[in-house]
């Protein structure tokens, strides 16, 4: 199924994500020669290495890990963690989840850039913008957002934040975590599709593109 800008915008709106001033369609139009997997694969000798199967597998792993952490802070997972804390439990699970969340968020952004693919660059910008738009709320509990949208933690400030404040920021409906969860799912699905395409797509001579890529020194 062909995903249009309108479809993506509607999905983003449901999760509270901001609609990009520069839309997905703009990204594709400005990179017309690179807007399909096949077009990119035709440049195997030059940019083709950036579309290696290894890079997409790494991206999928990063996005899936991010989804696990955001999932732990949404719906039942969120309720379980914060209810335990309110009943006198320690913060070990919450601290571990937040630290893994920050690490996987940054890893996903790095992996998006490593593919040099138009759609992934769009998702990278969405992730950066999402973090930056939540910068003040996240900073209030010790999670800092850099100019590039990547996250870091002020451990002392985070440890000093009370449970109610953390829950308000990380557990809010339509907040940063819910938006990050949505994007993690989109990125993972796109990475999976590219892995499958690189594994099965055939060129006119009958050789798989995966075989063509293997002839080059491709490093993820």
Protein backbone atom coordinates (compact mmCIF):
# COMPACT_ATOMS: atom_id res chain seq x y z
CA UNK A 1 0.00 0.00 0.00
CA UNK A 2 1.33 3.44 -0.94
CA UNK A 3 1.55 5.70 2.08
CA UNK A 4 0.70 9.31 1.25
CA UNK A 5 1.60 12.44 3.17
CA UNK A 6 -2.06 12.87 4.15
CA UNK A 7 -2.20 9.37 5.61
CA UNK A 8 1.00 9.92 7.60
CA UNK A 9 -0.17 13.33 8.82
CA UNK A 10 -3.48 11.85 10.01
CA UNK A 11 -1.64 9.13 11.92
CA UNK A 12 0.68 11.68 13.50
CA UNK A 13 -2.24 13.88 14.49
CA UNK A 14 -3.84 11.00 16.40
CA UNK A 15 -0.76 10.72 18.62
CA UNK A 16 -0.37 14.46 19.05
CA UNK A 17 2.69 14.69 16.81
CA UNK A 18 3.24 18.07 15.16
CA UNK A 19 2.58 18.16 11.43
CA UNK A 20 5.83 19.00 9.72
CA UNK A 21 6.21 22.40 8.08
CA UNK A 22 8.32 20.51 5.55
CA UNK A 23 6.16 17.53 4.71
CA UNK A 24 7.16 14.04 3.63
CA UNK A 25 6.11 15.00 0.12
CA UNK A 26 8.57 17.90 0.18
CA UNK A 27 11.37 15.55 1.18
CA UNK A 28 10.52 13.19 -1.65
CA UNK A 29 10.13 15.95 -4.24
CA UNK A 30 13.43 17.51 -3.26
CA UNK A 31 15.13 14.13 -3.59
CA UNK A 32 13.30 12.82 -6.64
CA UNK A 33 16.17 10.62 -7.77
CA UNK A 34 16.31 8.89 -4.38
CA UNK A 35 12.64 8.44 -3.48
CA UNK A 36 12.44 4.74 -4.19
CA UNK A 37 14.47 1.81 -3.04
CA UNK A 38 15.12 0.70 -6.62
CA UNK A 39 16.40 4.13 -7.64
CA UNK A 40 18.83 4.11 -4.74
CA UNK A 41 19.97 0.57 -5.50
CA UNK A 42 20.84 1.61 -9.04
CA UNK A 43 23.69 3.60 -7.47
CA UNK A 44 25.32 0.60 -5.83
CA UNK A 45 28.81 1.71 -6.79
CA UNK A 46 28.38 5.06 -4.98
CA UNK A 47 25.57 5.56 -2.45
CA UNK A 48 24.34 1.97 -2.62
CA UNK A 49 26.44 0.97 0.35
CA UNK A 50 24.34 3.27 2.56
CA UNK A 51 21.34 1.07 1.84
CA UNK A 52 23.04 -2.10 2.99
CA UNK A 53 20.93 -4.78 4.56
CA UNK A 54 23.16 -4.60 7.63
CA UNK A 55 22.35 -0.91 8.16
CA UNK A 56 18.62 -1.57 7.99
CA UNK A 57 18.85 -4.54 10.33
CA UNK A 58 20.72 -2.34 12.79
CA UNK A 59 18.07 0.36 12.41
CA UNK A 60 15.25 -2.12 13.02
CA UNK A 61 16.96 -3.44 16.15
CA UNK A 62 17.40 0.11 17.50
CA UNK A 63 13.79 1.05 16.75
CA UNK A 64 12.47 -2.18 18.28
CA UNK A 65 14.48 -1.56 21.45
CA UNK A 66 13.13 1.98 21.59
CA UNK A 67 9.62 0.59 21.19
CA UNK A 68 10.16 -1.77 24.11
CA UNK A 69 11.13 1.12 26.38
CA UNK A 70 8.34 3.44 25.24
CA UNK A 71 5.93 0.52 25.59
CA UNK A 72 6.99 0.09 29.21
CA UNK A 73 5.98 3.70 29.84
CA UNK A 74 2.60 3.60 28.09
CA UNK A 75 -0.69 1.93 29.01
CA UNK A 76 -0.34 -1.10 31.32
CA UNK A 77 3.44 -0.85 31.51
CA UNK A 78 3.30 2.73 32.74
CA UNK A 79 0.63 1.94 35.29
CA UNK A 80 2.61 -1.00 36.65
CA UNK A 81 5.82 0.98 37.09
CA UNK A 82 4.28 4.03 38.71
CA UNK A 83 1.83 2.13 40.89
CA UNK A 84 4.73 0.12 42.28
CA UNK A 85 6.60 3.34 43.09
CA UNK A 86 3.58 4.90 44.74
CA UNK A 87 3.28 1.81 46.93
CA UNK A 88 6.82 2.19 48.22
CA UNK A 89 8.74 0.27 45.57
CA UNK A 90 12.26 1.28 44.58
CA UNK A 91 13.07 3.17 41.39
CA UNK A 92 15.42 0.62 39.89
CA UNK A 93 13.04 -0.47 37.12
CA UNK A 94 12.07 3.10 36.23
CA UNK A 95 15.69 4.28 36.20
CA UNK A 96 16.73 1.37 33.99
CA UNK A 97 13.87 1.93 31.57
CA UNK A 98 14.60 5.65 31.22
CA UNK A 99 18.33 5.07 30.69
CA UNK A 100 17.62 2.44 28.01
CA UNK A 101 15.04 4.77 26.45
CA UNK A 102 17.59 7.55 26.10
CA UNK A 103 20.22 5.21 24.67
CA UNK A 104 17.85 3.60 22.15
CA UNK A 105 16.37 6.96 21.12
CA UNK A 106 19.84 8.25 20.25
CA UNK A 107 20.84 4.96 18.58
CA UNK A 108 17.72 5.06 16.41
CA UNK A 109 18.53 8.59 15.30
CA UNK A 110 22.12 7.61 14.46
CA UNK A 111 20.92 4.56 12.54
CA UNK A 112 18.40 6.63 10.58
CA UNK A 113 21.23 8.83 9.34
CA UNK A 114 23.39 5.83 8.44
CA UNK A 115 20.93 4.67 5.76
CA UNK A 116 20.95 7.97 3.85
CA UNK A 117 17.40 7.24 2.72
CA UNK A 118 14.87 10.03 2.12
CA UNK A 119 12.09 8.58 4.26
CA UNK A 120 14.50 7.83 7.08
CA UNK A 121 15.85 11.38 6.98
CA UNK A 122 12.26 12.53 7.37
CA UNK A 123 11.79 10.28 10.40
CA UNK A 124 15.09 11.57 11.82
CA UNK A 125 13.78 15.12 11.56
CA UNK A 126 10.49 14.09 13.17
CA UNK A 127 12.32 12.49 16.10
CA UNK A 128 14.53 15.54 16.53
CA UNK A 129 11.58 17.94 16.40
CA UNK A 130 9.53 15.81 18.80
CA UNK A 131 12.29 15.85 21.42
CA UNK A 132 12.94 19.57 20.98
CA UNK A 133 9.26 20.43 21.35
CA UNK A 134 9.24 18.56 24.68
CA UNK A 135 12.55 20.08 25.77
CA UNK A 136 11.25 22.09 28.74
CA UNK A 137 9.09 19.31 30.18
CA UNK A 138 11.88 16.74 29.86
CA UNK A 139 14.45 19.12 31.36
CA UNK A 140 12.23 19.58 34.42
CA UNK A 141 12.93 15.95 35.39
CA UNK A 142 16.58 15.87 34.33
CA UNK A 143 16.33 14.66 30.74
CA UNK A 144 18.15 17.11 28.49
CA UNK A 145 17.65 17.60 24.77
CA UNK A 146 20.56 18.70 22.59
CA UNK A 147 20.32 20.96 19.56
CA UNK A 148 20.27 17.87 17.37
CA UNK A 149 17.33 16.40 19.29
CA UNK A 150 19.35 13.72 21.04
CA UNK A 151 18.78 12.99 24.71
CA UNK A 152 21.02 12.88 27.76
CA UNK A 153 20.30 12.53 31.46
CA UNK A 154 21.27 14.67 34.41
CA UNK A 155 21.31 11.79 36.87
CA UNK A 156 21.37 13.98 39.95
CA UNK A 157 18.37 16.00 38.81
CA UNK A 158 16.47 12.93 37.65
CA UNK A 159 17.05 11.14 40.96
CA UNK A 160 15.81 14.23 42.81
CA UNK A 161 12.59 14.44 40.77
CA UNK A 162 9.53 13.06 42.57
CA UNK A 163 7.48 10.22 41.12
CA UNK A 164 4.45 12.42 40.40
CA UNK A 165 6.56 14.82 38.30
CA UNK A 166 8.16 12.01 36.34
CA UNK A 167 4.80 10.38 35.69
CA UNK A 168 3.34 13.70 34.57
CA UNK A 169 6.08 14.15 31.97
CA UNK A 170 6.65 10.58 30.80
CA UNK A 171 3.17 9.19 31.32
CA UNK A 172 1.16 11.99 29.77
CA UNK A 173 -1.31 11.05 27.04
CA UNK A 174 -0.15 12.65 23.80
CA UNK A 175 3.20 13.47 25.40
CA UNK A 176 6.77 12.74 24.38
CA UNK A 177 6.69 9.01 25.17
CA UNK A 178 3.52 8.36 23.15
CA UNK A 179 4.94 10.26 20.19
CA UNK A 180 8.26 8.42 20.43
CA UNK A 181 6.38 5.11 20.57
CA UNK A 182 4.52 5.96 17.37
CA UNK A 183 7.73 6.93 15.56
CA UNK A 184 9.57 3.82 16.77
CA UNK A 185 6.87 1.66 15.21
CA UNK A 186 7.01 3.54 11.90
CA UNK A 187 10.79 3.38 11.73
CA UNK A 188 10.85 -0.34 12.55
CA UNK A 189 8.24 -1.15 9.90
CA UNK A 190 10.10 0.82 7.24
CA UNK A 191 13.42 -0.79 8.17
CA UNK A 192 11.85 -4.26 8.00
CA UNK A 193 10.43 -3.53 4.55
CA UNK A 194 13.85 -2.43 3.31
CA UNK A 195 15.55 -5.51 4.73
CA UNK A 196 13.04 -7.70 2.91
CA UNK A 197 13.39 -5.71 -0.32
CA UNK A 198 17.18 -5.88 -0.24
CA UNK A 199 16.96 -9.63 0.33
CA UNK A 200 14.46 -10.47 -2.40
CA UNK A 201 14.44 -7.76 -5.08
CA UNK A 202 15.89 -8.85 -8.42
CA UNK A 203 17.44 -6.80 -11.21
CA UNK A 204 16.85 -7.34 -14.91
CA UNK A 205 19.60 -9.96 -15.23
CA UNK A 206 18.09 -12.05 -12.47
CA UNK A 207 20.70 -11.29 -9.81
CA UNK A 208 19.39 -10.20 -6.45
CA UNK A 209 20.30 -6.73 -5.29
CA UNK A 210 21.61 -8.34 -2.13
CA UNK A 211 24.10 -10.22 -4.33
CA UNK A 212 25.04 -7.02 -6.14
CA UNK A 213 25.66 -5.25 -2.86
CA UNK A 214 27.84 -8.13 -1.67
CA UNK A 215 30.31 -7.40 -4.48
CA UNK A 216 31.19 -4.11 -2.84
CA UNK A 217 32.93 -3.32 0.40
CA UNK A 218 29.72 -2.51 2.28
CA UNK A 219 30.01 -1.73 5.96
CA UNK A 220 27.03 -0.81 8.19
